[in-house]
Amino acid sequence: MFFKRMKYLCLAAIILLPTASAIATDSSKPIVITFLGVDIKERATRAIQFLLSVAGTVALLMLIVGGIFFMISIGNPDSQQKAKRMVIGALAGLIVILMSFALISLVNDFLV
């Protein structure tokens, strides 16, 4: 019972403290939320860039591996089909990654 009340109290504090600080500050200045000394927007931008770069690297590696599998499987039609599917999947992943990067850049430009 005590932990349930503490959970609700902590949740209320998390929700209400930013609101209370926004009311207490001067409304002409923009509110900057920081976490461990770094702006949350900047931290989110860095995280998104990191995740997109990791996803792009994995997609390029899968494209290279699919190409190698295709070259190795010259006489086997089943292996060629698997390699083709791997290359097509990697290209589709790259397209999705590039489109998500474009969408995130567009949204970030509107927010900043």
Protein backbone atom coordinates (compact mmCIF):
# COMPACT_ATOMS: atom_id res chain seq x y z
CA MET A 1 0.00 0.00 0.00
CA PHE A 2 2.83 2.38 0.87
CA PHE A 3 4.64 1.69 -2.41
CA LYS A 4 1.45 2.26 -4.37
CA ARG A 5 1.03 5.68 -2.78
CA MET A 6 4.69 6.51 -3.37
CA LYS A 7 4.31 5.51 -7.01
CA TYR A 8 1.39 7.89 -7.46
CA LEU A 9 3.19 10.66 -5.57
CA CYS A 10 6.29 10.31 -7.75
CA LEU A 11 4.18 10.26 -10.89
CA ALA A 12 2.36 13.42 -9.81
CA ALA A 13 5.68 15.11 -9.02
CA ILE A 14 7.11 14.18 -12.42
CA ILE A 15 4.04 15.58 -14.16
CA LEU A 16 3.58 18.72 -12.06
CA LEU A 17 7.15 19.93 -11.45
CA PRO A 18 7.83 21.04 -15.04
CA THR A 19 4.47 22.83 -15.02
CA ALA A 20 5.28 24.58 -11.75
CA SER A 21 8.67 25.68 -13.03
CA ALA A 22 7.08 26.98 -16.24
CA ILE A 23 4.63 29.06 -14.22
CA ALA A 24 7.37 30.42 -11.97
CA THR A 25 9.68 31.53 -14.81
CA ASP A 26 9.42 34.59 -16.98
CA SER A 27 7.08 33.79 -19.87
CA SER A 28 9.03 35.88 -22.40
CA LYS A 29 12.02 33.52 -22.29
CA PRO A 30 11.78 30.04 -23.82
CA ILE A 31 11.90 27.14 -21.40
CA VAL A 32 15.01 25.00 -21.80
CA ILE A 33 14.85 21.59 -20.20
CA THR A 34 18.24 20.15 -19.37
CA PHE A 35 19.27 16.70 -18.27
CA LEU A 36 22.76 16.27 -16.80
CA GLY A 37 23.77 19.67 -18.14
CA VAL A 38 22.78 19.05 -21.76
CA ASP A 39 19.68 20.36 -23.51
CA ILE A 40 17.11 17.61 -24.07
CA LYS A 41 16.62 18.63 -27.71
CA GLU A 42 20.35 18.35 -28.37
CA ARG A 43 20.55 15.00 -26.58
CA ALA A 44 17.61 13.65 -28.61
CA THR A 45 19.19 14.91 -31.85
CA ARG A 46 22.46 13.17 -31.02
CA ALA A 47 20.66 9.93 -30.14
CA ILE A 48 18.66 9.98 -33.37
CA GLN A 49 21.79 10.65 -35.44
CA PHE A 50 23.59 7.79 -33.70
CA LEU A 51 20.71 5.35 -34.25
CA LEU A 52 20.33 6.32 -37.90
CA SER A 53 24.06 5.92 -38.50
CA VAL A 54 24.06 2.47 -36.87
CA ALA A 55 21.02 1.44 -38.93
CA GLY A 56 22.65 2.71 -42.13
CA THR A 57 25.86 0.86 -41.35
CA VAL A 58 23.98 -2.39 -40.73
CA ALA A 59 22.01 -1.97 -43.96
CA LEU A 60 25.20 -1.37 -45.96
CA LEU A 61 26.86 -4.40 -44.39
CA MET A 62 23.82 -6.51 -45.27
CA LEU A 63 24.04 -5.21 -48.85
CA ILE A 64 27.70 -6.20 -49.05
CA VAL A 65 27.04 -9.63 -47.51
CA GLY A 66 24.16 -10.21 -49.93
CA GLY A 67 26.42 -9.31 -52.85
CA ILE A 68 29.10 -11.69 -51.65
CA PHE A 69 26.55 -14.48 -51.21
CA PHE A 70 25.28 -13.79 -54.74
CA MET A 71 28.80 -14.08 -56.17
CA ILE A 72 29.52 -17.26 -54.24
CA SER A 73 26.28 -19.00 -55.28
CA ILE A 74 26.86 -18.95 -59.03
CA GLY A 75 25.55 -22.45 -59.75
CA ASN A 76 22.88 -22.80 -57.04
CA PRO A 77 19.53 -21.10 -57.87
CA ASP A 78 18.21 -21.36 -54.28
CA SER A 79 21.24 -19.54 -52.90
CA GLN A 80 20.91 -16.93 -55.62
CA GLN A 81 17.28 -16.31 -54.62
CA LYS A 82 18.28 -15.94 -50.95
CA ALA A 83 21.05 -13.54 -51.91
CA LYS A 84 18.68 -11.51 -54.12
CA ARG A 85 16.16 -11.28 -51.26
CA MET A 86 18.94 -10.16 -48.93
CA VAL A 87 20.07 -7.43 -51.34
CA ILE A 88 16.49 -6.27 -51.96
CA GLY A 89 15.81 -6.22 -48.21
CA ALA A 90 18.98 -4.22 -47.57
CA LEU A 91 18.06 -1.71 -50.29
CA ALA A 92 14.55 -1.38 -48.89
CA GLY A 93 16.05 -0.82 -45.44
CA LEU A 94 18.34 1.88 -46.82
CA ILE A 95 15.38 3.60 -48.45
CA VAL A 96 13.42 3.52 -45.19
CA ILE A 97 16.43 4.86 -43.27
CA LEU A 98 16.94 7.71 -45.75
CA MET A 99 13.25 8.60 -45.68
CA SER A 100 13.21 8.60 -41.88
CA PHE A 101 16.30 10.80 -41.85
CA ALA A 102 14.60 13.24 -44.20
CA LEU A 103 11.43 13.27 -42.10
CA ILE A 104 13.36 13.77 -38.85
CA SER A 105 15.39 16.59 -40.41
CA LEU A 106 12.20 18.27 -41.62
CA VAL A 107 10.52 18.03 -38.23
CA ASN A 108 13.67 19.15 -36.43
CA ASP A 109 13.93 22.24 -38.67
CA PHE A 110 10.38 23.24 -37.70
CA LEU A 111 11.08 22.74 -34.00
CA VAL A 112 14.37 24.63 -33.86
